[in-house]
Amino acid sequence: MSFHDTAAVAAFGDKLTKVSLFESPRMFCDVYGLRPGQAQAGHAHATNDKIYAVLSGRCRVEVGGESRVLTAGQVAVAPAGVGHGLLNDSDGPATLLVIMAPHAKPPVS
């Protein structure tokens, strides 16, 4: 069992900040931190599902060409093969819990 503090992403950088909470050959779980104006460019994963859960702030999430603003407690799911991306178009920072399975690039053991 392991425990992690999602506040580790509080030191937002000059670009989207990613803090790994958990990683296995089957999945990963990160916390993303975005300052206003920061984004994750649209992309897709052929065989991987991704979940974005907003922990704090608000963030515009695009999945499959549909764009919505999500706030704390809201979740978006990008199924395998569907384009997705993020944009913090708010005035303040946003943090998101991000989970992807299966892992796109499993760690080398």
Protein backbone atom coordinates (compact mmCIF):
# COMPACT_ATOMS: atom_id res chain seq x y z
CA MET A 1 0.00 0.00 0.00
CA SER A 2 1.23 3.51 -0.66
CA PHE A 3 -0.05 6.97 0.24
CA HIS A 4 0.50 10.19 -1.69
CA ASP A 5 -0.26 13.87 -1.22
CA THR A 6 -1.94 15.52 -4.20
CA ALA A 7 -0.73 18.90 -2.87
CA ALA A 8 2.71 18.00 -4.30
CA VAL A 9 1.69 19.73 -7.52
CA ALA A 10 1.30 23.08 -5.71
CA ALA A 11 4.61 24.28 -7.17
CA PHE A 12 3.12 25.06 -10.59
CA GLY A 13 5.80 25.41 -13.26
CA ASP A 14 6.11 27.37 -16.48
CA LYS A 15 4.22 24.61 -18.30
CA LEU A 16 1.69 21.99 -17.28
CA THR A 17 3.07 20.26 -14.17
CA LYS A 18 2.70 16.50 -13.75
CA VAL A 19 3.28 14.66 -10.47
CA SER A 20 3.16 10.87 -10.57
CA LEU A 21 1.15 9.33 -7.75
CA PHE A 22 1.19 5.73 -8.93
CA GLU A 23 2.49 3.76 -11.88
CA SER A 24 2.37 0.10 -12.80
CA PRO A 25 2.54 -1.85 -16.06
CA ARG A 26 -1.29 -1.70 -16.13
CA MET A 27 -2.02 1.99 -15.40
CA PHE A 28 -0.79 5.32 -14.14
CA CYS A 29 -2.28 8.00 -11.91
CA ASP A 30 -0.93 11.57 -11.98
CA VAL A 31 -1.90 14.98 -10.67
CA TYR A 32 -1.72 17.74 -13.28
CA GLY A 33 -1.32 21.38 -12.31
CA LEU A 34 -2.14 24.12 -14.80
CA ARG A 35 -1.71 27.85 -14.35
CA PRO A 36 -4.07 30.15 -16.25
CA GLY A 37 -3.44 29.79 -19.99
CA GLN A 38 -1.59 26.48 -19.72
CA ALA A 39 -2.81 23.54 -21.78
CA GLN A 40 -2.30 19.94 -22.77
CA ALA A 41 -2.51 19.85 -26.55
CA GLY A 42 -5.19 17.67 -28.08
CA HIS A 43 -4.13 14.09 -28.72
CA ALA A 44 -5.49 10.53 -28.67
CA HIS A 45 -4.35 7.14 -27.39
CA ALA A 46 -5.24 4.24 -29.67
CA THR A 47 -5.69 1.64 -26.93
CA ASN A 48 -5.82 3.62 -23.68
CA ASP A 49 -8.71 5.17 -21.75
CA LYS A 50 -8.02 8.40 -19.82
CA ILE A 51 -9.96 9.95 -16.95
CA TYR A 52 -9.67 13.63 -15.95
CA ALA A 53 -11.09 14.50 -12.51
CA VAL A 54 -10.88 18.16 -11.43
CA LEU A 55 -9.62 18.48 -7.86
CA SER A 56 -9.52 22.28 -7.62
CA GLY A 57 -10.11 25.30 -9.80
CA ARG A 58 -11.70 24.91 -13.21
CA CYS A 59 -10.46 23.69 -16.54
CA ARG A 60 -11.81 23.41 -20.07
CA VAL A 61 -11.68 19.77 -21.17
CA GLU A 62 -12.23 18.65 -24.75
CA VAL A 63 -13.19 15.07 -25.54
CA GLY A 64 -14.19 13.93 -29.00
CA GLY A 65 -14.64 17.48 -30.27
CA GLU A 66 -16.96 18.47 -27.40
CA SER A 67 -15.61 21.12 -25.02
CA ARG A 68 -16.85 21.72 -21.46
CA VAL A 69 -15.68 23.65 -18.44
CA LEU A 70 -15.31 21.34 -15.46
CA THR A 71 -14.98 22.38 -11.82
CA ALA A 72 -13.90 20.55 -8.67
CA GLY A 73 -15.65 17.20 -8.38
CA GLN A 74 -16.45 16.84 -12.08
CA VAL A 75 -14.98 14.16 -14.33
CA ALA A 76 -14.42 13.64 -18.07
CA VAL A 77 -13.61 10.28 -19.68
CA ALA A 78 -11.73 9.97 -22.99
CA PRO A 79 -12.16 6.44 -24.36
CA ALA A 80 -9.38 4.84 -26.41
CA GLY A 81 -9.05 6.38 -29.86
CA VAL A 82 -10.95 9.58 -28.97
CA GLY A 83 -9.14 12.93 -29.11
CA HIS A 84 -8.84 14.88 -25.85
CA GLY A 85 -7.03 17.87 -24.35
CA LEU A 86 -7.06 20.50 -21.59
CA LEU A 87 -6.96 24.28 -21.30
CA ASN A 88 -7.01 26.32 -18.12
CA ASP A 89 -8.92 29.33 -19.44
CA SER A 90 -9.70 30.61 -15.93
CA ASP A 91 -8.05 33.28 -13.74
CA GLY A 92 -6.60 30.81 -11.24
CA PRO A 93 -4.72 27.51 -11.04
CA ALA A 94 -6.38 24.15 -11.64
CA THR A 95 -5.41 20.68 -10.44
CA LEU A 96 -6.66 17.44 -11.96
CA LEU A 97 -6.32 13.79 -11.07
CA VAL A 98 -5.49 11.91 -14.30
CA ILE A 99 -5.72 8.14 -14.68
CA MET A 100 -4.88 6.14 -17.80
CA ALA A 101 -5.23 2.41 -18.40
CA PRO A 102 -3.71 0.41 -19.77
CA HIS A 103 -0.44 2.26 -19.29
CA ALA A 104 0.76 3.71 -22.59
CA LYS A 105 4.45 3.28 -21.71
CA PRO A 106 4.74 0.76 -18.87
CA PRO A 107 7.68 1.32 -16.53
CA VAL A 108 10.70 -0.87 -17.16
CA SER A 109 11.23 -3.34 -14.32
